[in-house]
Amino acid sequence: MMAPESDVLEYKQDLTKTFLKTVSAFGNFHDGDIIFGVADDLTVPGLDHPAQFAESVAHMINDSFTPAPPYDVSVNEDNRTVALHVYKGMHRPYLYKGKAYERRGSSTVETDRAVLQDLILESRNMTWDELPSSRENLTFAALEREAQNAFGLEKLGNDALRSLGLLSGSRFNHAAELLSDQNDFPGIDLTVFGDSVSIIRLRKIISGCSLIDQYWQALELFKSQYVYETIEESLRKKTERIPETAFREALVNALIHRNWNLPGFVSVQMYPDHIQITSPGGLPITITEEEYLNDNVSDPRNQTLAWIFLRLHLIERLGTGIARIKEAYAGSEPKPQFHLGPHRIRIELPVTDIFQPLTSKQSQYLDKMTPGVLYTRQDLEALFSLSRQQTLSILNTLLKSGYLTRMGSGRAVRYLRRPGQ
């Protein structure tokens, strides 16, 4: 029985030019095999003149590609088939009639413009963020502030910018533009939802500033939604409903590894029970899904950005982001989810707090609160008909048990009943 077709295996019964699209796909992305003489139903009628057929295959490849990807052609005399093995080549992209192709499952499809750009950059041993920018007179207040905190740099002059890989001669690159205070690339589209997607409690577009400022603004909003404090025996205790480490890693991953050839914003959607972070672009062409999920692989799509975020201690170590997200959820249920598509990557981070049972009296106080309504402590004192200290005690219990969310700080503190409770 012949194995089914896959991303590394294709069958052809006859010799038509369509197989050259698959030669392009294998040469561009990974080794693969095309077996000639096999029918659609996986029976093997074989070929009448397999040796002559093999010569024709080689001629068609050599006539269609300059240079051609490396390949081998062999004849199986037992079943009279011809096997073509194509290797991933060194001179990508390999274009057939001016187009690059890739395998998706058992189909060969044309590669989109963004992936083709990645192939061209890879062949030049470059990444997108290293390309020259048309912008001049950029300023770097945010980057300078972060560099002062990270490694004591007093002033971010041209020499320092060159050492960071942001300035070549007198010309900035794309990484410099993204880290500048005049960054005009798409930023972060952040939405906080209520009980359902039809209830939007907050919408914020974070753009027009350095990636560094975008990172810190998104992190502060995350803390206001998913981090709260309780007082136990006069001691303040911080509780993270979603691990801050996981959010930091997922956010940085979206900002520095996204495909900047695509025009969309990084989307951060905050729900009562989880966060979705979606970045434009699929995986880099050099990383497989299995490597992304299970191995500490470091092959960033934007190398200069990744290296600078590492220098600034905004990431701990290259290639460990997914592992750190998983580690942050060790011992808790549910687990983070990773959705990898050809045009976007989405990471879902669930809340980790588990609802604890309440006494009947505590449930009565909870029932007085309307989901989706923000309450001050004074509001709740009146609603519960309790003293300040008694109200704080009830609030700490409901927070600790996972039924309430504490938002803001100081005089701006508000309490929100979680949906479904």
Protein backbone atom coordinates (compact mmCIF):
# COMPACT_ATOMS: atom_id res chain seq x y z
CA MET A 1 0.00 0.00 0.00
CA MET A 2 1.36 3.41 -0.98
CA ALA A 3 1.55 6.05 1.73
CA PRO A 4 -0.95 8.92 1.32
CA GLU A 5 0.16 12.23 -0.15
CA SER A 6 1.48 14.78 2.34
CA ASP A 7 3.51 17.95 2.55
CA VAL A 8 6.60 15.93 1.59
CA LEU A 9 5.11 13.44 -0.86
CA GLU A 10 3.21 13.78 -4.14
CA TYR A 11 2.15 11.25 -6.78
CA LYS A 12 1.81 11.74 -10.53
CA GLN A 13 0.61 9.20 -13.06
CA ASP A 14 1.82 11.07 -16.14
CA LEU A 15 4.34 13.76 -17.00
CA THR A 16 2.77 17.21 -17.03
CA LYS A 17 4.29 20.58 -16.20
CA THR A 18 2.28 20.85 -12.97
CA PHE A 19 4.91 18.80 -11.12
CA LEU A 20 7.31 21.74 -11.55
CA LYS A 21 5.22 23.75 -9.06
CA THR A 22 5.94 21.07 -6.45
CA VAL A 23 9.64 21.13 -7.39
CA SER A 24 9.54 24.86 -6.55
CA ALA A 25 7.80 24.11 -3.23
CA PHE A 26 10.28 21.45 -2.12
CA GLY A 27 13.28 23.49 -3.24
CA ASN A 28 12.05 26.54 -1.33
CA PHE A 29 11.01 25.00 1.98
CA HIS A 30 11.96 21.36 2.61
CA ASP A 31 13.03 18.12 0.96
CA GLY A 32 10.29 16.09 -0.70
CA ASP A 33 9.51 13.30 -3.15
CA ILE A 34 7.42 13.07 -6.31
CA ILE A 35 6.68 9.51 -7.48
CA PHE A 36 5.63 9.12 -11.11
CA GLY A 37 3.58 6.14 -12.28
CA VAL A 38 1.05 6.16 -9.39
CA ALA A 39 -2.66 6.75 -9.99
CA ASP A 40 -5.01 8.95 -7.92
CA ASP A 41 -6.39 5.86 -6.15
CA LEU A 42 -2.79 4.94 -5.12
CA THR A 43 -2.63 1.95 -7.44
CA VAL A 44 0.64 1.59 -9.36
CA PRO A 45 0.12 1.12 -13.11
CA GLY A 46 3.75 2.10 -13.67
CA LEU A 47 5.30 3.70 -16.75
CA ASP A 48 5.91 2.26 -20.23
CA HIS A 49 9.46 3.60 -20.56
CA PRO A 50 10.66 4.64 -17.09
CA ALA A 51 14.30 5.32 -18.05
CA GLN A 52 13.28 7.67 -20.88
CA PHE A 53 10.66 9.21 -18.54
CA ALA A 54 13.36 9.94 -15.95
CA GLU A 55 15.45 11.78 -18.54
CA SER A 56 12.44 13.89 -19.51
CA VAL A 57 11.87 14.83 -15.85
CA ALA A 58 15.47 16.03 -15.50
CA HIS A 59 15.31 18.01 -18.76
CA MET A 60 12.10 19.77 -17.72
CA ILE A 61 13.57 20.78 -14.35
CA ASN A 62 16.80 22.08 -15.89
CA ASP A 63 14.90 24.03 -18.55
CA SER A 64 12.48 25.59 -16.04
CA PHE A 65 14.79 26.75 -13.22
CA THR A 66 17.99 28.81 -13.25
CA PRO A 67 19.58 27.60 -11.12
CA ALA A 68 17.64 24.42 -10.43
CA PRO A 69 17.21 23.13 -6.88
CA PRO A 70 19.33 20.04 -6.16
CA TYR A 71 17.54 16.79 -6.99
CA ASP A 72 17.96 13.08 -7.71
CA VAL A 73 15.97 10.97 -10.20
CA SER A 74 15.87 7.20 -9.88
CA VAL A 75 14.01 4.33 -11.60
CA ASN A 76 12.33 1.48 -9.71
CA GLU A 77 12.54 -1.43 -12.13
CA ASP A 78 10.26 -3.62 -9.99
CA ASN A 79 7.13 -1.49 -10.29
CA ARG A 80 8.33 0.69 -13.21
CA THR A 81 7.99 3.99 -11.36
CA VAL A 82 10.28 7.02 -11.31
CA ALA A 83 11.15 8.73 -8.04
CA LEU A 84 12.18 12.39 -7.98
CA HIS A 85 13.74 13.58 -4.71
CA VAL A 86 14.07 17.37 -4.44
CA TYR A 87 16.30 18.90 -1.78
CA LYS A 88 15.80 22.25 -0.11
CA GLY A 89 18.20 24.44 -2.08
CA MET A 90 20.70 27.12 -1.23
CA HIS A 91 19.57 29.65 -3.86
CA ARG A 92 15.98 30.32 -2.84
CA PRO A 93 13.49 31.37 -4.03
CA TYR A 94 13.02 28.90 -6.86
CA LEU A 95 10.42 30.39 -9.17
CA TYR A 96 8.36 28.53 -11.74
CA LYS A 97 7.03 30.93 -14.37
CA GLY A 98 7.82 33.82 -12.03
CA LYS A 99 5.98 32.39 -9.01
CA ALA A 100 7.14 30.61 -5.86
CA TYR A 101 5.17 27.67 -4.45
CA GLU A 102 4.80 25.83 -1.15
CA ARG A 103 3.12 22.67 0.11
CA ARG A 104 0.09 22.85 2.39
CA GLY A 105 -0.84 19.32 3.32
CA SER A 106 -1.20 17.38 0.09
CA SER A 107 -1.67 20.47 -2.10
CA THR A 108 0.81 22.75 -3.83
CA VAL A 109 -0.18 26.43 -3.68
CA GLU A 110 1.37 29.72 -4.69
CA THR A 111 3.33 31.40 -1.92
CA ASP A 112 1.95 34.77 -0.82
CA ARG A 113 3.91 37.98 -1.22
CA ALA A 114 5.00 38.21 2.42
CA VAL A 115 6.49 34.69 2.45
CA LEU A 116 8.17 35.31 -0.89
CA GLN A 117 9.80 38.39 0.64
CA ASP A 118 11.06 36.22 3.51
CA LEU A 119 12.55 33.78 1.00
CA ILE A 120 14.35 36.57 -0.83
CA LEU A 121 15.72 38.03 2.42
CA GLU A 122 16.82 34.60 3.63
CA SER A 123 18.74 34.05 0.38
CA ARG A 124 20.59 37.32 1.12
CA ASN A 125 21.22 36.30 4.73
CA MET A 126 19.12 39.25 5.91
CA THR A 127 15.98 39.84 7.92
CA TRP A 128 13.28 42.44 7.25
CA ASP A 129 14.25 44.70 10.13
CA GLU A 130 17.77 45.07 8.68
CA LEU A 131 16.47 46.68 5.46
CA PRO A 132 17.14 50.41 5.12
CA SER A 133 14.42 52.84 6.15
CA SER A 134 13.44 55.94 4.18
CA ARG A 135 12.95 57.89 7.44
CA GLU A 136 15.40 60.49 8.70
CA ASN A 137 15.72 62.56 11.88
CA LEU A 138 14.42 59.81 14.14
CA THR A 139 14.56 60.25 17.92
CA PHE A 140 14.89 57.52 20.53
CA ALA A 141 13.77 58.80 23.94
CA ALA A 142 12.03 55.52 24.85
CA LEU A 143 14.97 53.39 23.73
CA GLU A 144 17.44 55.64 25.55
CA ARG A 145 15.42 55.41 28.78
CA GLU A 146 15.30 51.63 28.52
CA ALA A 147 19.01 51.37 27.71
CA GLN A 148 19.85 53.52 30.75
CA ASN A 149 17.85 51.18 32.98
CA ALA A 150 19.20 47.99 31.39
CA PHE A 151 22.91 48.63 31.06
CA GLY A 152 23.61 52.16 32.30
CA LEU A 153 24.02 53.84 28.92
CA GLU A 154 24.13 57.58 29.56
CA LYS A 155 23.30 58.85 26.08
CA LEU A 156 22.13 57.10 22.93
CA GLY A 157 24.27 58.74 20.27
CA ASN A 158 25.05 57.59 16.74
CA ASP A 159 27.90 55.34 17.88
CA ALA A 160 25.56 53.52 20.28
CA LEU A 161 22.90 53.26 17.56
CA ARG A 162 25.48 51.70 15.24
CA SER A 163 26.59 49.24 17.92
CA LEU A 164 22.93 48.21 18.36
CA GLY A 165 22.66 47.59 14.62
CA LEU A 166 20.17 50.43 14.02
CA LEU A 167 22.34 52.78 11.97
CA SER A 168 24.57 51.98 8.99
CA GLY A 169 26.60 54.96 7.89
CA SER A 170 24.03 57.73 8.12
CA ARG A 171 21.00 55.62 7.28
CA PHE A 172 18.55 54.02 9.70
CA ASN A 173 17.01 50.59 9.14
CA HIS A 174 13.48 49.29 9.79
CA ALA A 175 14.40 48.16 13.32
CA ALA A 176 15.43 51.73 14.14
CA GLU A 177 12.15 53.05 12.78
CA LEU A 178 10.15 50.60 14.91
CA LEU A 179 12.06 51.56 18.06
CA SER A 180 11.95 55.29 17.38
CA ASP A 181 9.52 57.75 18.90
CA GLN A 182 8.20 58.41 15.36
CA ASN A 183 7.25 54.77 14.63
CA ASP A 184 4.40 54.84 12.09
CA PHE A 185 4.01 51.09 11.63
CA PRO A 186 0.81 49.39 12.89
CA GLY A 187 0.88 48.91 16.66
CA ILE A 188 -1.42 47.11 19.09
CA ASP A 189 -5.21 46.98 18.86
CA LEU A 190 -6.32 46.21 22.42
CA THR A 191 -9.91 45.43 23.45
CA VAL A 192 -11.33 44.59 26.87
CA PHE A 193 -14.62 42.67 26.64
CA GLY A 194 -17.37 42.28 29.21
CA ASP A 195 -19.67 39.27 29.61
CA SER A 196 -19.84 38.76 25.82
CA VAL A 197 -18.14 39.96 22.65
CA SER A 198 -20.99 42.44 22.17
CA ILE A 199 -19.94 44.26 25.35
CA ILE A 200 -16.76 46.30 24.87
CA ARG A 201 -15.58 47.87 28.12
CA LEU A 202 -12.42 49.42 26.68
CA ARG A 203 -10.86 49.85 23.24
CA LYS A 204 -7.37 51.26 22.90
CA ILE A 205 -5.15 51.59 19.84
CA ILE A 206 -1.51 51.78 20.93
CA SER A 207 0.50 53.16 18.02
CA GLY A 208 2.54 56.13 16.87
CA CYS A 209 5.26 55.42 19.42
CA SER A 210 8.22 53.12 19.99
CA LEU A 211 7.63 49.38 20.27
CA ILE A 212 9.06 49.73 23.77
CA ASP A 213 6.33 52.15 24.83
CA GLN A 214 3.72 49.96 23.17
CA TYR A 215 4.96 47.03 25.23
CA TRP A 216 4.78 48.91 28.54
CA GLN A 217 1.36 50.42 27.84
CA ALA A 218 -0.11 47.00 27.00
CA LEU A 219 1.49 45.48 30.10
CA GLU A 220 0.01 48.16 32.37
CA LEU A 221 -3.45 47.56 30.95
CA PHE A 222 -2.98 43.81 31.47
CA LYS A 223 -2.14 44.41 35.13
CA SER A 224 -5.23 46.56 35.61
CA GLN A 225 -7.41 43.69 34.37
CA TYR A 226 -5.79 40.51 35.67
CA VAL A 227 -3.60 41.42 38.67
CA TYR A 228 -5.07 42.41 42.01
CA GLU A 229 -4.06 42.69 45.65
CA THR A 230 -5.69 41.35 48.76
CA ILE A 231 -4.88 42.12 52.39
CA GLU A 232 -4.28 39.18 54.68
CA GLU A 233 -3.34 39.90 58.26
CA SER A 234 -2.17 43.41 57.35
CA LEU A 235 0.01 42.06 54.51
CA ARG A 236 -0.62 42.83 50.86
CA LYS A 237 -0.67 39.82 48.58
CA LYS A 238 -0.51 40.12 44.78
CA THR A 239 -2.55 37.63 42.75
CA GLU A 240 -2.15 37.13 39.02
CA ARG A 241 -5.26 35.69 37.41
CA ILE A 242 -3.15 35.14 34.29
CA PRO A 243 0.61 34.68 34.85
CA GLU A 244 2.34 37.96 34.05
CA THR A 245 5.36 36.05 32.72
CA ALA A 246 3.17 34.29 30.17
CA PHE A 247 1.60 37.55 29.00
CA ARG A 248 4.98 39.29 28.72
CA GLU A 249 6.42 36.45 26.62
CA ALA A 250 3.37 36.21 24.36
CA LEU A 251 3.28 39.99 23.84
CA VAL A 252 7.00 40.27 23.04
CA ASN A 253 6.70 37.26 20.73
CA ALA A 254 3.93 39.06 18.83
CA LEU A 255 5.81 42.36 18.60
CA ILE A 256 9.26 41.22 17.52
CA HIS A 257 8.48 38.05 15.56
CA ARG A 258 5.47 39.27 13.59
CA ASN A 259 5.68 39.65 9.81
CA TRP A 260 6.08 43.37 9.21
CA ASN A 261 5.41 42.93 5.49
CA LEU A 262 1.75 42.51 6.46
CA PRO A 263 -0.20 45.66 7.36
CA GLY A 264 -2.31 44.48 10.32
CA PHE A 265 -2.08 45.38 13.99
CA VAL A 266 -1.13 42.97 16.75
CA SER A 267 -4.49 42.14 18.34
CA VAL A 268 -4.81 41.77 22.12
CA GLN A 269 -8.32 40.75 23.18
CA MET A 270 -8.97 40.56 26.91
CA TYR A 271 -11.93 38.48 28.09
CA PRO A 272 -13.04 37.73 31.66
CA ASP A 273 -11.63 34.19 31.44
CA HIS A 274 -8.77 34.44 28.92
CA ILE A 275 -6.61 36.63 26.66
CA GLN A 276 -6.05 36.18 22.93
CA ILE A 277 -2.90 37.65 21.37
CA THR A 278 -2.80 37.46 17.57
CA SER A 279 0.13 38.54 15.44
CA PRO A 280 0.18 38.97 11.63
CA GLY A 281 2.12 36.34 9.72
CA GLY A 282 2.66 32.62 10.18
CA LEU A 283 5.83 30.93 11.35
CA PRO A 284 9.17 31.96 9.84
CA ILE A 285 10.00 29.73 6.89
CA THR A 286 12.96 28.27 8.79
CA ILE A 287 10.89 26.90 11.72
CA THR A 288 8.42 24.01 11.72
CA GLU A 289 5.31 23.86 13.89
CA GLU A 290 6.81 21.07 15.97
CA GLU A 291 10.01 23.05 16.58
CA TYR A 292 8.00 26.14 17.55
CA LEU A 293 5.91 24.26 20.10
CA ASN A 294 8.38 21.78 21.53
CA ASP A 295 11.96 22.96 20.97
CA ASN A 296 13.86 25.99 22.20
CA VAL A 297 14.61 27.11 18.65
CA SER A 298 16.08 30.57 18.12
CA ASP A 299 15.68 31.75 14.53
CA PRO A 300 13.93 35.11 14.82
CA ARG A 301 12.18 36.66 11.84
CA ASN A 302 13.54 40.07 12.94
CA GLN A 303 16.99 39.43 14.35
CA THR A 304 17.97 43.00 15.24
CA LEU A 305 14.74 43.60 17.18
CA ALA A 306 15.09 40.29 19.02
CA TRP A 307 18.70 41.00 19.98
CA ILE A 308 17.87 44.51 21.26
CA PHE A 309 14.92 43.27 23.35
CA LEU A 310 17.32 40.71 24.80
CA ARG A 311 19.89 43.40 25.61
CA LEU A 312 17.15 45.46 27.29
CA HIS A 313 16.14 42.45 29.44
CA LEU A 314 12.62 42.53 28.01
CA ILE A 315 13.12 38.87 27.12
CA GLU A 316 15.20 36.44 29.15
CA ARG A 317 16.75 34.30 26.43
CA LEU A 318 16.12 33.88 22.72
CA GLY A 319 14.16 30.80 21.73
CA THR A 320 12.61 30.13 25.16
CA GLY A 321 9.39 32.16 24.97
CA ILE A 322 6.97 29.30 24.32
CA ALA A 323 8.66 27.13 26.95
CA ARG A 324 8.35 29.95 29.50
CA ILE A 325 4.66 30.40 28.71
CA LYS A 326 4.07 26.69 29.28
CA GLU A 327 6.17 26.76 32.45
CA ALA A 328 4.09 29.63 33.84
CA TYR A 329 1.05 27.33 33.66
CA ALA A 330 2.74 24.30 35.24
CA GLY A 331 0.41 22.70 37.75
CA SER A 332 -2.66 24.65 36.66
CA GLU A 333 -5.63 23.94 34.44
CA PRO A 334 -6.53 24.86 31.76
CA LYS A 335 -3.37 25.26 29.70
CA PRO A 336 -2.38 27.92 27.13
CA GLN A 337 -3.32 27.19 23.54
CA PHE A 338 -1.29 27.91 20.40
CA HIS A 339 -3.00 28.29 17.02
CA LEU A 340 -0.62 28.43 14.06
CA GLY A 341 -1.95 29.45 10.66
CA PRO A 342 -0.27 30.47 7.40
CA HIS A 343 -1.14 34.14 7.93
CA ARG A 344 -1.38 34.59 11.71
CA ILE A 345 -0.37 33.12 15.06
CA ARG A 346 -2.75 33.25 18.02
CA ILE A 347 -1.85 32.48 21.63
CA GLU A 348 -4.64 32.02 24.18
CA LEU A 349 -3.84 32.48 27.87
CA PRO A 350 -6.58 31.28 30.25
CA VAL A 351 -7.10 32.54 33.78
CA THR A 352 -5.68 30.22 36.43
CA ASP A 353 -7.78 31.10 39.46
CA ILE A 354 -10.30 28.47 40.52
CA PHE A 355 -13.60 29.39 42.09
CA GLN A 356 -13.79 28.36 45.72
CA PRO A 357 -17.13 27.54 47.37
CA LEU A 358 -18.81 30.33 49.33
CA THR A 359 -20.91 30.27 52.45
CA SER A 360 -24.58 31.13 52.02
CA LYS A 361 -23.94 34.55 53.59
CA GLN A 362 -21.05 35.27 51.23
CA SER A 363 -23.20 34.20 48.27
CA GLN A 364 -25.88 36.65 49.36
CA TYR A 365 -23.41 39.53 49.18
CA LEU A 366 -22.15 38.35 45.78
CA ASP A 367 -25.73 38.16 44.47
CA LYS A 368 -26.20 41.85 45.28
CA MET A 369 -23.53 42.75 42.70
CA THR A 370 -24.53 43.06 39.03
CA PRO A 371 -22.06 41.48 36.54
CA GLY A 372 -20.39 44.06 34.32
CA VAL A 373 -20.88 46.94 36.78
CA LEU A 374 -17.83 48.61 38.36
CA TYR A 375 -18.18 49.34 42.09
CA THR A 376 -16.14 51.47 44.45
CA ARG A 377 -15.64 50.26 48.01
CA GLN A 378 -18.02 52.97 49.18
CA ASP A 379 -20.66 51.73 46.70
CA LEU A 380 -20.39 48.25 48.19
CA GLU A 381 -20.51 49.48 51.79
CA ALA A 382 -23.90 50.98 50.96
CA LEU A 383 -25.00 47.97 48.93
CA PHE A 384 -24.03 45.46 51.64
CA SER A 385 -25.04 47.72 54.56
CA LEU A 386 -21.72 46.92 56.24
CA SER A 387 -18.88 48.88 57.80
CA ARG A 388 -15.70 49.65 55.91
CA GLN A 389 -13.75 46.84 57.63
CA GLN A 390 -16.55 44.30 57.14
CA THR A 391 -16.84 45.23 53.46
CA LEU A 392 -13.08 44.85 52.94
CA SER A 393 -13.22 41.42 54.56
CA ILE A 394 -16.02 40.31 52.23
CA LEU A 395 -14.21 41.74 49.20
CA ASN A 396 -10.96 39.96 50.07
CA THR A 397 -12.83 36.66 50.36
CA LEU A 398 -14.60 37.13 47.01
CA LEU A 399 -11.35 38.20 45.33
CA LYS A 400 -9.37 35.30 46.73
CA SER A 401 -12.12 32.86 45.73
CA GLY A 402 -12.04 34.13 42.14
CA TYR A 403 -15.48 35.72 41.96
CA LEU A 404 -14.38 39.35 41.66
CA THR A 405 -11.77 41.28 39.72
CA ARG A 406 -10.00 44.26 41.34
CA MET A 407 -9.16 46.98 38.82
CA GLY A 408 -7.02 50.08 39.15
CA SER A 409 -5.11 51.26 42.21
CA GLY A 410 -5.38 53.80 45.01
CA ARG A 411 -8.50 55.96 44.85
CA ALA A 412 -9.28 54.56 41.38
CA VAL A 413 -9.84 50.99 42.62
CA ARG A 414 -13.00 49.38 41.28
CA TYR A 415 -14.49 45.91 41.85
CA LEU A 416 -16.09 43.86 39.09
CA ARG A 417 -18.11 40.69 39.44
CA ARG A 418 -16.85 38.10 37.00
CA PRO A 419 -19.37 36.93 34.39
CA GLY A 420 -21.24 33.71 35.03
CA GLN A 421 -20.85 33.99 38.82
